[in-house]
Amino acid sequence: MKRRDFVRTTVAASALAATGAEAIAAESLDAPSSASIREPFSVDFAPHFGMFRHHGGGDLMGELRFMADQGFRSLEDNEMRNRPVAEQEQIATEMSRLGMRMGVFVAHTIHWTEPNMASGNADKRAEFLEEIRASVEVAKRSNAKWMTVVPGHVDLRLHPDYQTANVVETLKQASAILEPHDIIMVLEPLNPRNHPGLFLKGIPQAFQICKAVDSPSCKILDDLYHQQITEGNLIPNIDAAWDEIAYFQIGDNPGRKEPTTGEINYLNVFRHIKAKGFDGILGMEHGNSQPEAAGEIAVIEAYRAVDPG
């Protein structure tokens, strides 16, 4: 058996069996060093900047190199739109050198407490569409294919059906901007416990909207953390909405940390997604359950344990 296979196997087994101090001890003995190069994961997990900042030396390029060495083939960066152009280009250049793909970034200002898309307000619609146009340029610089869209707060003054019609019309206009560039905006339903009052809350609702927009540039971001809270039934809901899902995000519940720290059977979920032929990105949009460098290693080994192989 090759050493990298031996290390991966023994660490994954110890991570499942050990708890508390025993798990930390196992990690310190068997964890990969920043100099080691591990085989790629069998599905395309995408970390965020900051997730491995200790091993990356506090440097974005160093963090990218560490991710690639540990077998990650993509990056997800919600803040890409807000980074200086020179930094966007630097990240894209290094990712290209490492053979990594760019996952989602947030495409626009999210209105957490006041209605925008749902209201049908012409000024709010124009603001959103202008930000989408600007995000096309960000996507080109960063080689991104997907961008996250959140329709914002409900408008309590309007019937829900009118709100849906307003959202659909705005997304149709945004799709017309994106289609010539083969860029996909992915709609992210967010759970009402963490984000009360938002318009888009569940996968069935997002499915209905995507069918109404009827564009290859308007699809679903299925964040499994949010959907476990909102509706559960993860695998049947994935199947029901499969035609409109273009992207997944990950976080265990409760706590929104890495897989194996909560109630979701991520190994089975990932096996199912892989078996359906998904070749897109699964973004790691969660925190680390443990602090410092040891917590970063725990994240890597958690993903090794749930990699469907």
Protein backbone atom coordinates (compact mmCIF):
# COMPACT_ATOMS: atom_id res chain seq x y z
CA MET A 1 0.00 0.00 0.00
CA LYS A 2 1.32 3.46 -0.89
CA ARG A 3 2.09 5.71 2.07
CA ARG A 4 -0.51 8.33 1.00
CA ASP A 5 -3.16 5.59 0.88
CA PHE A 6 -2.07 4.26 4.25
CA VAL A 7 -2.21 7.72 5.82
CA ARG A 8 -5.59 8.52 4.31
CA THR A 9 -7.07 5.19 5.41
CA THR A 10 -5.75 5.25 8.94
CA VAL A 11 -6.66 8.88 9.56
CA ALA A 12 -10.18 8.47 8.23
CA ALA A 13 -10.72 5.45 10.44
CA SER A 14 -9.32 7.15 13.53
CA ALA A 15 -11.38 10.27 12.90
CA LEU A 16 -14.55 8.20 12.90
CA ALA A 17 -13.63 6.18 15.98
CA ALA A 18 -11.87 8.74 18.14
CA THR A 19 -13.46 11.57 20.08
CA GLY A 20 -12.20 14.59 22.00
CA ALA A 21 -8.54 14.46 22.93
CA GLU A 22 -8.07 11.11 21.18
CA ALA A 23 -9.15 12.64 17.85
CA ILE A 24 -6.79 15.58 18.27
CA ALA A 25 -3.96 13.24 19.13
CA ALA A 26 -4.66 11.10 16.08
CA GLU A 27 -4.62 14.17 13.87
CA SER A 28 -1.30 15.37 15.25
CA LEU A 29 0.29 11.99 14.50
CA ASP A 30 -1.20 11.27 11.08
CA ALA A 31 -2.25 14.64 9.64
CA PRO A 32 -0.81 15.66 6.27
CA SER A 33 1.90 18.27 6.31
CA SER A 34 1.89 21.32 4.05
CA ALA A 35 4.65 19.61 2.04
CA SER A 36 2.63 16.46 1.27
CA ILE A 37 0.59 16.06 -1.90
CA ARG A 38 -2.58 13.97 -1.67
CA GLU A 39 -4.77 12.45 -4.32
CA PRO A 40 -7.70 14.57 -5.52
CA PHE A 41 -11.09 14.00 -3.96
CA SER A 42 -13.48 11.99 -6.12
CA VAL A 43 -15.98 14.88 -6.18
CA ASP A 44 -15.15 18.56 -6.52
CA PHE A 45 -15.20 20.02 -3.01
CA ALA A 46 -14.38 23.75 -2.93
CA PRO A 47 -12.99 25.40 0.23
CA HIS A 48 -13.14 29.11 1.06
CA PHE A 49 -10.28 31.45 1.80
CA GLY A 50 -9.65 31.52 5.55
CA MET A 51 -10.49 27.86 6.01
CA PHE A 52 -6.77 26.93 5.88
CA ARG A 53 -5.16 30.25 6.74
CA HIS A 54 -2.72 28.73 9.26
CA HIS A 55 -1.35 26.22 6.76
CA GLY A 56 -1.35 28.86 4.02
CA GLY A 57 0.80 31.19 6.07
CA GLY A 58 -1.86 33.92 6.09
CA ASP A 59 -1.37 34.41 2.35
CA LEU A 60 -4.11 33.81 -0.24
CA MET A 61 -1.71 32.25 -2.76
CA GLY A 62 -0.21 30.05 -0.08
CA GLU A 63 -3.67 28.96 0.95
CA LEU A 64 -4.53 28.07 -2.66
CA ARG A 65 -1.39 25.98 -2.96
CA PHE A 66 -2.18 24.17 0.29
CA MET A 67 -5.72 23.43 -0.92
CA ALA A 68 -4.41 21.98 -4.16
CA ASP A 69 -1.81 19.88 -2.36
CA GLN A 70 -4.53 18.40 -0.14
CA GLY A 71 -6.59 17.29 -3.15
CA PHE A 72 -9.07 20.16 -3.53
CA ARG A 73 -9.66 21.09 -7.17
CA SER A 74 -11.78 24.24 -6.78
CA LEU A 75 -12.20 27.40 -4.71
CA GLU A 76 -15.34 29.19 -3.59
CA ASP A 77 -15.04 32.89 -2.75
CA ASN A 78 -18.18 34.82 -1.86
CA GLU A 79 -16.16 38.03 -1.68
CA MET A 80 -14.54 37.86 -5.13
CA ARG A 81 -16.72 40.71 -6.45
CA ASN A 82 -15.43 43.03 -3.72
CA ARG A 83 -11.74 42.28 -4.22
CA PRO A 84 -9.49 44.69 -6.16
CA VAL A 85 -9.23 43.83 -9.84
CA ALA A 86 -5.51 43.09 -9.51
CA GLU A 87 -6.21 40.60 -6.73
CA GLN A 88 -8.98 38.93 -8.75
CA GLU A 89 -6.52 38.49 -11.62
CA GLN A 90 -3.77 37.20 -9.32
CA ILE A 91 -6.10 34.59 -7.80
CA ALA A 92 -7.28 33.49 -11.25
CA THR A 93 -3.72 33.16 -12.53
CA GLU A 94 -2.62 31.03 -9.59
CA MET A 95 -5.74 28.85 -9.81
CA SER A 96 -5.11 28.27 -13.50
CA ARG A 97 -1.53 27.26 -12.73
CA LEU A 98 -2.78 24.82 -10.09
CA GLY A 99 -5.52 23.42 -12.33
CA MET A 100 -8.31 24.64 -10.02
CA ARG A 101 -11.82 25.81 -10.92
CA MET A 102 -13.60 28.86 -9.56
CA GLY A 103 -16.88 28.25 -7.76
CA VAL A 104 -19.55 30.78 -6.89
CA PHE A 105 -19.17 34.35 -5.74
CA VAL A 106 -22.04 36.58 -4.56
CA ALA A 107 -23.17 38.54 -7.61
CA HIS A 108 -25.02 41.47 -6.06
CA THR A 109 -26.04 43.38 -2.95
CA ILE A 110 -28.34 41.18 -0.87
CA HIS A 111 -31.26 43.04 0.70
CA TRP A 112 -31.62 41.24 4.02
CA THR A 113 -34.23 43.50 5.63
CA GLU A 114 -36.12 45.27 2.85
CA PRO A 115 -37.78 44.02 -0.35
CA ASN A 116 -36.07 44.48 -3.68
CA MET A 117 -36.89 41.85 -6.33
CA ALA A 118 -40.18 40.87 -4.72
CA SER A 119 -41.42 44.45 -4.74
CA GLY A 120 -41.21 44.98 -8.48
CA ASN A 121 -39.67 48.40 -7.81
CA ALA A 122 -38.09 49.67 -11.05
CA ASP A 123 -35.13 51.31 -9.31
CA LYS A 124 -34.33 48.17 -7.30
CA ARG A 125 -34.55 46.09 -10.47
CA ALA A 126 -32.21 48.43 -12.32
CA GLU A 127 -29.73 48.33 -9.41
CA PHE A 128 -29.72 44.52 -9.45
CA LEU A 129 -29.29 44.27 -13.22
CA GLU A 130 -26.41 46.73 -13.18
CA GLU A 131 -24.66 44.65 -10.53
CA ILE A 132 -25.20 41.54 -12.65
CA ARG A 133 -23.54 43.29 -15.60
CA ALA A 134 -20.59 44.21 -13.38
CA SER A 135 -20.39 40.65 -12.07
CA VAL A 136 -20.09 39.32 -15.61
CA GLU A 137 -16.74 41.12 -15.76
CA VAL A 138 -15.73 39.63 -12.40
CA ALA A 139 -16.64 36.18 -13.70
CA LYS A 140 -14.55 36.70 -16.83
CA ARG A 141 -11.51 37.78 -14.80
CA SER A 142 -11.83 34.91 -12.32
CA ASN A 143 -12.90 32.22 -14.81
CA ALA A 144 -16.13 31.70 -12.88
CA LYS A 145 -19.11 29.92 -14.41
CA TRP A 146 -21.53 30.37 -11.49
CA MET A 147 -22.61 33.32 -9.34
CA THR A 148 -24.93 33.34 -6.33
CA VAL A 149 -28.20 35.28 -6.34
CA VAL A 150 -30.48 35.78 -3.31
CA PRO A 151 -33.78 37.53 -4.17
CA GLY A 152 -33.90 39.39 -0.86
CA HIS A 153 -36.66 40.17 1.61
CA VAL A 154 -40.37 39.58 1.15
CA ASP A 155 -42.70 42.49 0.43
CA LEU A 156 -45.46 42.18 3.03
CA ARG A 157 -47.59 44.68 1.14
CA LEU A 158 -48.00 42.35 -1.85
CA HIS A 159 -49.69 38.98 -2.34
CA PRO A 160 -47.07 36.19 -2.61
CA ASP A 161 -48.08 35.45 -6.20
CA TYR A 162 -47.41 39.04 -7.27
CA GLN A 163 -44.04 38.84 -5.54
CA THR A 164 -43.20 35.65 -7.42
CA ALA A 165 -44.13 37.28 -10.72
CA ASN A 166 -41.86 40.24 -9.91
CA VAL A 167 -38.94 37.97 -9.04
CA VAL A 168 -39.41 35.90 -12.20
CA GLU A 169 -39.45 38.99 -14.42
CA THR A 170 -36.26 40.35 -12.84
CA LEU A 171 -34.50 37.01 -13.24
CA LYS A 172 -35.58 36.75 -16.87
CA GLN A 173 -33.92 40.09 -17.55
CA ALA A 174 -30.79 39.01 -15.67
CA SER A 175 -30.69 35.75 -17.65
CA ALA A 176 -30.70 37.72 -20.88
CA ILE A 177 -27.53 39.45 -19.67
CA LEU A 178 -25.83 36.20 -18.64
CA GLU A 179 -26.77 33.81 -21.45
CA PRO A 180 -24.38 35.23 -24.09
CA HIS A 181 -21.50 34.61 -21.67
CA ASP A 182 -22.53 31.06 -20.64
CA ILE A 183 -22.67 32.16 -17.00
CA ILE A 184 -25.20 30.70 -14.57
CA MET A 185 -26.77 32.55 -11.65
CA VAL A 186 -27.70 30.03 -8.99
CA LEU A 187 -30.59 30.92 -6.70
CA GLU A 188 -29.93 30.09 -3.06
CA PRO A 189 -32.89 29.37 -0.76
CA LEU A 190 -31.97 30.29 2.83
CA ASN A 191 -33.52 28.87 5.97
CA PRO A 192 -35.86 31.15 7.97
CA ARG A 193 -34.19 30.35 11.30
CA ASN A 194 -30.92 32.06 10.33
CA HIS A 195 -32.46 34.48 7.81
CA PRO A 196 -36.05 35.32 8.75
CA GLY A 197 -38.17 37.20 6.26
CA LEU A 198 -36.46 36.29 3.02
CA PHE A 199 -38.48 35.57 -0.10
CA LEU A 200 -36.72 32.38 -1.24
CA LYS A 201 -36.81 29.68 1.42
CA GLY A 202 -37.01 26.21 -0.14
CA ILE A 203 -35.98 24.01 -3.03
CA PRO A 204 -39.54 23.49 -4.38
CA GLN A 205 -40.02 27.26 -4.55
CA ALA A 206 -36.68 27.72 -6.33
CA PHE A 207 -37.61 24.92 -8.73
CA GLN A 208 -40.89 26.66 -9.58
CA ILE A 209 -39.09 29.95 -10.24
CA CYS A 210 -36.40 28.38 -12.42
CA LYS A 211 -39.05 26.61 -14.50
CA ALA A 212 -40.85 29.94 -14.97
CA VAL A 213 -37.67 31.81 -15.93
CA ASP A 214 -36.82 28.97 -18.33
CA SER A 215 -33.18 29.86 -18.96
CA PRO A 216 -29.92 27.90 -18.85
CA SER A 217 -28.55 30.87 -16.91
CA CYS A 218 -30.99 30.54 -13.99
CA LYS A 219 -30.60 27.45 -11.83
CA ILE A 220 -30.63 26.33 -8.17
CA LEU A 221 -27.89 26.41 -5.57
CA ASP A 222 -28.87 23.61 -3.18
CA ASP A 223 -27.25 24.51 0.14
CA LEU A 224 -27.71 21.30 2.10
CA TYR A 225 -27.28 23.02 5.46
CA HIS A 226 -30.16 25.39 4.79
CA GLN A 227 -32.36 22.70 3.29
CA GLN A 228 -31.81 20.30 6.19
CA ILE A 229 -33.28 22.99 8.44
CA THR A 230 -36.08 24.12 6.12
CA GLU A 231 -37.38 20.84 4.75
CA GLY A 232 -34.98 17.92 5.32
CA ASN A 233 -35.70 14.95 3.05
CA LEU A 234 -32.48 15.84 1.27
CA ILE A 235 -32.07 13.02 -1.24
CA PRO A 236 -35.71 12.95 -2.43
CA ASN A 237 -35.65 16.75 -2.81
CA ILE A 238 -32.41 16.53 -4.79
CA ASP A 239 -34.10 14.03 -7.11
CA ALA A 240 -37.27 16.10 -7.46
CA ALA A 241 -35.38 19.28 -8.40
CA TRP A 242 -32.47 17.63 -10.21
CA ASP A 243 -33.11 19.20 -13.62
CA GLU A 244 -32.68 22.69 -12.16
CA ILE A 245 -29.81 22.13 -9.68
CA ALA A 246 -26.44 23.42 -10.90
CA TYR A 247 -24.49 23.76 -7.65
CA PHE A 248 -24.35 22.43 -4.08
CA GLN A 249 -23.07 23.87 -0.83
CA ILE A 250 -22.21 22.00 2.34
CA GLY A 251 -22.48 22.50 6.08
CA ASP A 252 -23.57 20.10 8.80
CA ASN A 253 -26.45 20.77 11.15
CA PRO A 254 -26.53 21.84 13.92
CA GLY A 255 -23.56 24.19 14.00
CA ARG A 256 -22.82 24.72 10.30
CA LYS A 257 -19.40 23.10 10.50
CA GLU A 258 -17.69 20.41 8.41
CA PRO A 259 -19.36 17.05 7.66
CA THR A 260 -19.36 14.45 10.47
CA THR A 261 -19.99 17.13 13.12
CA GLY A 262 -23.79 17.02 12.91
CA GLU A 263 -26.80 14.96 11.89
CA ILE A 264 -26.49 14.81 8.08
CA ASN A 265 -25.26 11.55 6.57
CA TYR A 266 -23.02 13.28 4.07
CA LEU A 267 -21.34 10.10 2.86
CA ASN A 268 -24.69 8.81 1.58
CA VAL A 269 -25.69 12.20 0.18
CA PHE A 270 -22.41 12.54 -1.74
CA ARG A 271 -22.66 8.97 -3.01
CA HIS A 272 -26.11 9.79 -4.35
CA ILE A 273 -25.01 13.03 -6.01
CA LYS A 274 -22.02 11.34 -7.61
CA ALA A 275 -24.12 8.39 -8.81
CA LYS A 276 -26.44 10.82 -10.58
CA GLY A 277 -23.48 12.03 -12.63
CA PHE A 278 -22.96 15.45 -11.06
CA ASP A 279 -19.66 16.92 -12.22
CA GLY A 280 -20.04 20.41 -10.77
CA ILE A 281 -18.74 21.98 -7.59
CA LEU A 282 -19.77 21.35 -3.98
CA GLY A 283 -18.86 24.46 -2.01
CA MET A 284 -17.66 24.14 1.57
CA GLU A 285 -19.65 27.07 3.01
CA HIS A 286 -19.18 26.41 6.71
CA GLY A 287 -16.90 27.08 9.63
CA ASN A 288 -14.24 24.87 11.19
CA SER A 289 -15.37 22.94 14.26
CA GLN A 290 -11.95 23.17 15.91
CA PRO A 291 -9.58 26.15 16.14
CA GLU A 292 -6.12 26.80 14.73
CA ALA A 293 -4.11 24.45 12.49
CA ALA A 294 -5.51 21.30 14.13
CA GLY A 295 -9.00 22.41 13.15
CA GLU A 296 -7.89 22.83 9.55
CA ILE A 297 -6.60 19.26 9.49
CA ALA A 298 -9.88 18.07 11.02
CA VAL A 299 -11.75 19.63 8.09
CA ILE A 300 -9.56 17.83 5.55
CA GLU A 301 -9.95 14.48 7.28
CA ALA A 302 -13.71 14.93 7.62
CA TYR A 303 -13.92 15.34 3.85
CA ARG A 304 -11.71 12.29 3.33
CA ALA A 305 -14.13 10.33 5.52
CA VAL A 306 -17.19 11.34 3.44
CA ASP A 307 -15.56 11.28 0.00
CA PRO A 308 -17.73 8.82 -1.99
CA GLY A 309 -14.68 7.42 -3.80
